[in-house]
Amino acid sequence: MISKACKYGIRATVFVASKIELGIKLNVKEIAKEVDAPEAFTAKILQILNKHRIITSLKGPYGGFFIDQFQLEQPVINIVNAIDGMAVFRECGLGLEQCSEKHPCPMHNQYKIAREALLDAFQKTTIGQLASQLSDGTSFINNMELSSAAATD
């Protein structure tokens, strides 16, 4: 439904936002490592996010990527729209061009429900909400597993 680039973009944004309290700026290498994405691909995604004012970048020796307080209030749908556009919420689940209410594919009704639920979640969830879950340790964005002792807590 959403592209790999979009998934990386959401993860990168949430990671950068989770560092707001520390007041630090992150470089592409740090972000790419944390979100488990190729560095060059991450750089392109970050440029898109910066262009759409979802994150902010500052050039120079003290530069990097960061999020301002007001950017935390943005819904996740802004990231999806910047990277994939809104067409992902109108596409056919089977990839047919002519799928519609009047001419549905076999998955049309089921896929429509899932697509609408995802759109609703992206519209109602803010970057700040996801970042706070990351900051307080109730969620994660990388593939690192917890040790068995920590996993049982």
C-alpha atoms as a PDB file:
ATOM      1  CA  MET A   1       0.000   0.000   0.000  1.00  0.00           C
ATOM      2  CA  ILE A   2       2.598   2.605   0.964  1.00  0.00           C
ATOM      3  CA  SER A   3       6.048   2.463  -0.586  1.00  0.00           C
ATOM      4  CA  LYS A   4       9.275   1.459   1.089  1.00  0.00           C
ATOM      5  CA  ALA A   5      10.438   5.067   0.704  1.00  0.00           C
ATOM      6  CA  CYS A   6       7.370   6.219   2.625  1.00  0.00           C
ATOM      7  CA  LYS A   7       7.991   3.702   5.406  1.00  0.00           C
ATOM      8  CA  TYR A   8      11.592   4.920   5.678  1.00  0.00           C
ATOM      9  CA  GLY A   9      10.319   8.493   5.670  1.00  0.00           C
ATOM     10  CA  ILE A  10       7.957   7.842   8.565  1.00  0.00           C
ATOM     11  CA  ARG A  11      10.676   6.060  10.531  1.00  0.00           C
ATOM     12  CA  ALA A  12      13.218   8.815   9.830  1.00  0.00           C
ATOM     13  CA  THR A  13      10.793  11.556  10.834  1.00  0.00           C
ATOM     14  CA  VAL A  14       9.831   9.798  14.054  1.00  0.00           C
ATOM     15  CA  PHE A  15      13.492   9.194  14.915  1.00  0.00           C
ATOM     16  CA  VAL A  16      14.437  12.828  14.303  1.00  0.00           C
ATOM     17  CA  ALA A  17      11.374  13.983  16.270  1.00  0.00           C
ATOM     18  CA  SER A  18      12.280  11.727  19.196  1.00  0.00           C
ATOM     19  CA  LYS A  19      15.468  13.774  19.660  1.00  0.00           C
ATOM     20  CA  ILE A  20      13.700  17.142  20.035  1.00  0.00           C
ATOM     21  CA  GLU A  21      14.185  17.285  23.808  1.00  0.00           C
ATOM     22  CA  LEU A  22      17.938  16.820  23.362  1.00  0.00           C
ATOM     23  CA  GLY A  23      18.105  19.734  20.930  1.00  0.00           C
ATOM     24  CA  ILE A  24      20.486  17.889  18.614  1.00  0.00           C
ATOM     25  CA  LYS A  25      20.753  17.851  14.856  1.00  0.00           C
ATOM     26  CA  LEU A  26      21.284  14.506  13.174  1.00  0.00           C
ATOM     27  CA  ASN A  27      23.207  13.750  10.015  1.00  0.00           C
ATOM     28  CA  VAL A  28      22.078  11.455   7.208  1.00  0.00           C
ATOM     29  CA  LYS A  29      24.415   8.671   8.282  1.00  0.00           C
ATOM     30  CA  GLU A  30      22.985   8.565  11.822  1.00  0.00           C
ATOM     31  CA  ILE A  31      19.405   8.604  10.572  1.00  0.00           C
ATOM     32  CA  ALA A  32      20.007   5.952   7.895  1.00  0.00           C
ATOM     33  CA  LYS A  33      21.642   3.644  10.425  1.00  0.00           C
ATOM     34  CA  GLU A  34      18.803   3.995  12.918  1.00  0.00           C
ATOM     35  CA  VAL A  35      16.030   3.413  10.362  1.00  0.00           C
ATOM     36  CA  ASP A  36      17.961   0.603   8.654  1.00  0.00           C
ATOM     37  CA  ALA A  37      17.892   2.268   5.236  1.00  0.00           C
ATOM     38  CA  PRO A  38      20.534   2.906   2.568  1.00  0.00           C
ATOM     39  CA  GLU A  39      22.273   6.233   3.178  1.00  0.00           C
ATOM     40  CA  ALA A  40      21.794   7.704  -0.322  1.00  0.00           C
ATOM     41  CA  PHE A  41      18.122   6.698  -0.333  1.00  0.00           C
ATOM     42  CA  THR A  42      17.666   8.223   3.116  1.00  0.00           C
ATOM     43  CA  ALA A  43      19.266  11.471   1.926  1.00  0.00           C
ATOM     44  CA  LYS A  44      16.738  11.735  -0.926  1.00  0.00           C
ATOM     45  CA  ILE A  45      13.835  11.040   1.413  1.00  0.00           C
ATOM     46  CA  LEU A  46      15.076  13.634   3.906  1.00  0.00           C
ATOM     47  CA  GLN A  47      15.317  16.209   1.110  1.00  0.00           C
ATOM     48  CA  ILE A  48      11.665  15.569   0.239  1.00  0.00           C
ATOM     49  CA  LEU A  49      10.619  15.844   3.878  1.00  0.00           C
ATOM     50  CA  ASN A  50      12.570  19.084   4.261  1.00  0.00           C
ATOM     51  CA  LYS A  51      11.047  20.518   1.074  1.00  0.00           C
ATOM     52  CA  HIS A  52       7.566  19.810   2.477  1.00  0.00           C
ATOM     53  CA  ARG A  53       8.567  21.331   5.863  1.00  0.00           C
ATOM     54  CA  ILE A  54       7.922  18.110   7.718  1.00  0.00           C
ATOM     55  CA  ILE A  55      11.468  18.207   9.060  1.00  0.00           C
ATOM     56  CA  THR A  56      14.054  20.990   8.976  1.00  0.00           C
ATOM     57  CA  SER A  57      17.646  20.921   7.837  1.00  0.00           C
ATOM     58  CA  LEU A  58      20.472  23.308   8.470  1.00  0.00           C
ATOM     59  CA  LYS A  59      23.632  23.284   6.368  1.00  0.00           C
ATOM     60  CA  GLY A  60      27.124  23.834   7.641  1.00  0.00           C
ATOM     61  CA  PRO A  61      29.414  22.449  10.329  1.00  0.00           C
ATOM     62  CA  TYR A  62      26.698  22.700  13.003  1.00  0.00           C
ATOM     63  CA  GLY A  63      23.951  21.608  10.671  1.00  0.00           C
ATOM     64  CA  GLY A  64      21.841  18.526  10.335  1.00  0.00           C
ATOM     65  CA  PHE A  65      18.231  17.439  10.441  1.00  0.00           C
ATOM     66  CA  PHE A  66      15.879  18.347  13.272  1.00  0.00           C
ATOM     67  CA  ILE A  67      12.253  19.019  14.084  1.00  0.00           C
ATOM     68  CA  ASP A  68      10.816  22.144  15.636  1.00  0.00           C
ATOM     69  CA  GLN A  69       8.048  21.944  18.223  1.00  0.00           C
ATOM     70  CA  PHE A  70       5.315  23.040  15.801  1.00  0.00           C
ATOM     71  CA  GLN A  71       6.251  20.235  13.391  1.00  0.00           C
ATOM     72  CA  LEU A  72       5.371  17.604  16.011  1.00  0.00           C
ATOM     73  CA  GLU A  73       1.685  18.469  15.544  1.00  0.00           C
ATOM     74  CA  GLN A  74       1.667  17.402  11.906  1.00  0.00           C
ATOM     75  CA  PRO A  75      -0.287  14.247  11.129  1.00  0.00           C
ATOM     76  CA  VAL A  76       1.580  11.283   9.648  1.00  0.00           C
ATOM     77  CA  ILE A  77      -0.538  11.666   6.502  1.00  0.00           C
ATOM     78  CA  ASN A  78       1.652  14.671   5.609  1.00  0.00           C
ATOM     79  CA  ILE A  79       4.638  12.329   5.271  1.00  0.00           C
ATOM     80  CA  VAL A  80       2.662   9.895   3.125  1.00  0.00           C
ATOM     81  CA  ASN A  81       1.388  12.711   0.926  1.00  0.00           C
ATOM     82  CA  ALA A  82       4.895  14.172   0.486  1.00  0.00           C
ATOM     83  CA  ILE A  83       6.471  10.871  -0.539  1.00  0.00           C
ATOM     84  CA  ASP A  84       3.735   8.741  -2.138  1.00  0.00           C
ATOM     85  CA  GLY A  85       0.895  11.169  -2.703  1.00  0.00           C
ATOM     86  CA  MET A  86      -2.715  10.470  -1.826  1.00  0.00           C
ATOM     87  CA  ALA A  87      -3.321   8.108  -4.738  1.00  0.00           C
ATOM     88  CA  VAL A  88      -2.264   5.193  -2.529  1.00  0.00           C
ATOM     89  CA  PHE A  89      -5.624   5.550  -0.800  1.00  0.00           C
ATOM     90  CA  ARG A  90      -7.518   5.187  -4.071  1.00  0.00           C
ATOM     91  CA  GLU A  91      -5.571   2.333  -5.679  1.00  0.00           C
ATOM     92  CA  CYS A  92      -6.971  -1.101  -6.347  1.00  0.00           C
ATOM     93  CA  GLY A  93      -5.697  -3.822  -4.026  1.00  0.00           C
ATOM     94  CA  LEU A  94      -4.950  -6.034  -7.021  1.00  0.00           C
ATOM     95  CA  GLY A  95      -3.403  -3.245  -9.082  1.00  0.00           C
ATOM     96  CA  LEU A  96      -6.199  -3.001 -11.637  1.00  0.00           C
ATOM     97  CA  GLU A  97      -6.675   0.334 -13.369  1.00  0.00           C
ATOM     98  CA  GLN A  98     -10.426  -0.046 -13.859  1.00  0.00           C
ATOM     99  CA  CYS A  99     -11.408  -1.098 -10.315  1.00  0.00           C
ATOM    100  CA  SER A 100     -14.272   0.966  -8.860  1.00  0.00           C
ATOM    101  CA  GLU A 101     -17.547   0.674  -6.972  1.00  0.00           C
ATOM    102  CA  LYS A 102     -19.311  -0.036 -10.262  1.00  0.00           C
ATOM    103  CA  HIS A 103     -16.595  -2.350 -11.583  1.00  0.00           C
ATOM    104  CA  PRO A 104     -14.981  -3.935  -8.477  1.00  0.00           C
ATOM    105  CA  CYS A 105     -12.148  -6.444  -8.363  1.00  0.00           C
ATOM    106  CA  PRO A 106     -12.607  -9.532  -6.147  1.00  0.00           C
ATOM    107  CA  MET A 107     -10.786  -7.781  -3.247  1.00  0.00           C
ATOM    108  CA  HIS A 108     -12.409  -4.366  -3.690  1.00  0.00           C
ATOM    109  CA  ASN A 109     -14.693  -4.283  -0.648  1.00  0.00           C
ATOM    110  CA  GLN A 110     -12.202  -5.823   1.796  1.00  0.00           C
ATOM    111  CA  TYR A 111      -9.310  -3.700   0.558  1.00  0.00           C
ATOM    112  CA  LYS A 112     -11.404  -0.541   0.702  1.00  0.00           C
ATOM    113  CA  ILE A 113     -12.036  -1.113   4.421  1.00  0.00           C
ATOM    114  CA  ALA A 114      -8.322  -1.615   5.145  1.00  0.00           C
ATOM    115  CA  ARG A 115      -7.326   1.366   3.006  1.00  0.00           C
ATOM    116  CA  GLU A 116      -9.822   3.657   4.746  1.00  0.00           C
ATOM    117  CA  ALA A 117      -8.725   2.460   8.198  1.00  0.00           C
ATOM    118  CA  LEU A 118      -5.085   3.178   7.355  1.00  0.00           C
ATOM    119  CA  LEU A 119      -5.962   6.630   5.994  1.00  0.00           C
ATOM    120  CA  ASP A 120      -7.895   7.377   9.180  1.00  0.00           C
ATOM    121  CA  ALA A 121      -4.972   6.259  11.380  1.00  0.00           C
ATOM    122  CA  PHE A 122      -2.494   8.391   9.409  1.00  0.00           C
ATOM    123  CA  GLN A 123      -4.796  11.420   9.633  1.00  0.00           C
ATOM    124  CA  LYS A 124      -5.394  11.093  13.385  1.00  0.00           C
ATOM    125  CA  THR A 125      -1.836  10.251  14.481  1.00  0.00           C
ATOM    126  CA  THR A 126       0.723  13.008  14.857  1.00  0.00           C
ATOM    127  CA  ILE A 127       4.479  12.834  14.466  1.00  0.00           C
ATOM    128  CA  GLY A 128       4.753  13.909  18.103  1.00  0.00           C
ATOM    129  CA  GLN A 129       2.605  11.016  19.309  1.00  0.00           C
ATOM    130  CA  LEU A 130       4.835   8.482  17.564  1.00  0.00           C
ATOM    131  CA  ALA A 131       8.012  10.234  18.699  1.00  0.00           C
ATOM    132  CA  SER A 132       6.915  10.189  22.338  1.00  0.00           C
ATOM    133  CA  GLN A 133       6.332   6.414  22.143  1.00  0.00           C
ATOM    134  CA  LEU A 134       9.842   6.038  20.788  1.00  0.00           C
ATOM    135  CA  SER A 135      11.328   8.346  23.426  1.00  0.00           C
ATOM    136  CA  ASP A 136       9.638   6.598  26.346  1.00  0.00           C
ATOM    137  CA  GLY A 137      10.622   3.152  25.094  1.00  0.00           C
ATOM    138  CA  THR A 138       7.125   1.811  24.404  1.00  0.00           C
ATOM    139  CA  SER A 139       7.866   1.376  20.695  1.00  0.00           C
ATOM    140  CA  PHE A 140      10.834   1.113  18.344  1.00  0.00           C
ATOM    141  CA  ILE A 141      11.768   1.833  14.719  1.00  0.00           C
ATOM    142  CA  ASN A 142      14.735  -0.424  14.105  1.00  0.00           C
ATOM    143  CA  ASN A 143      15.160  -4.168  13.763  1.00  0.00           C
ATOM    144  CA  MET A 144      17.332  -4.543  16.847  1.00  0.00           C
ATOM    145  CA  GLU A 145      15.886  -7.147  19.193  1.00  0.00           C
ATOM    146  CA  LEU A 146      15.793  -6.699  22.916  1.00  0.00           C
ATOM    147  CA  SER A 147      17.850  -9.028  25.038  1.00  0.00           C
ATOM    148  CA  SER A 148      15.890 -11.933  26.493  1.00  0.00           C
ATOM    149  CA  ALA A 149      15.999 -10.356  29.960  1.00  0.00           C
ATOM    150  CA  ALA A 150      14.569  -7.054  28.722  1.00  0.00           C
ATOM    151  CA  ALA A 151      11.991  -8.810  26.550  1.00  0.00           C
ATOM    152  CA  THR A 152      10.411 -10.539  29.552  1.00  0.00           C
ATOM    153  CA  ASP A 153       9.751  -7.292  31.453  1.00  0.00           C
END
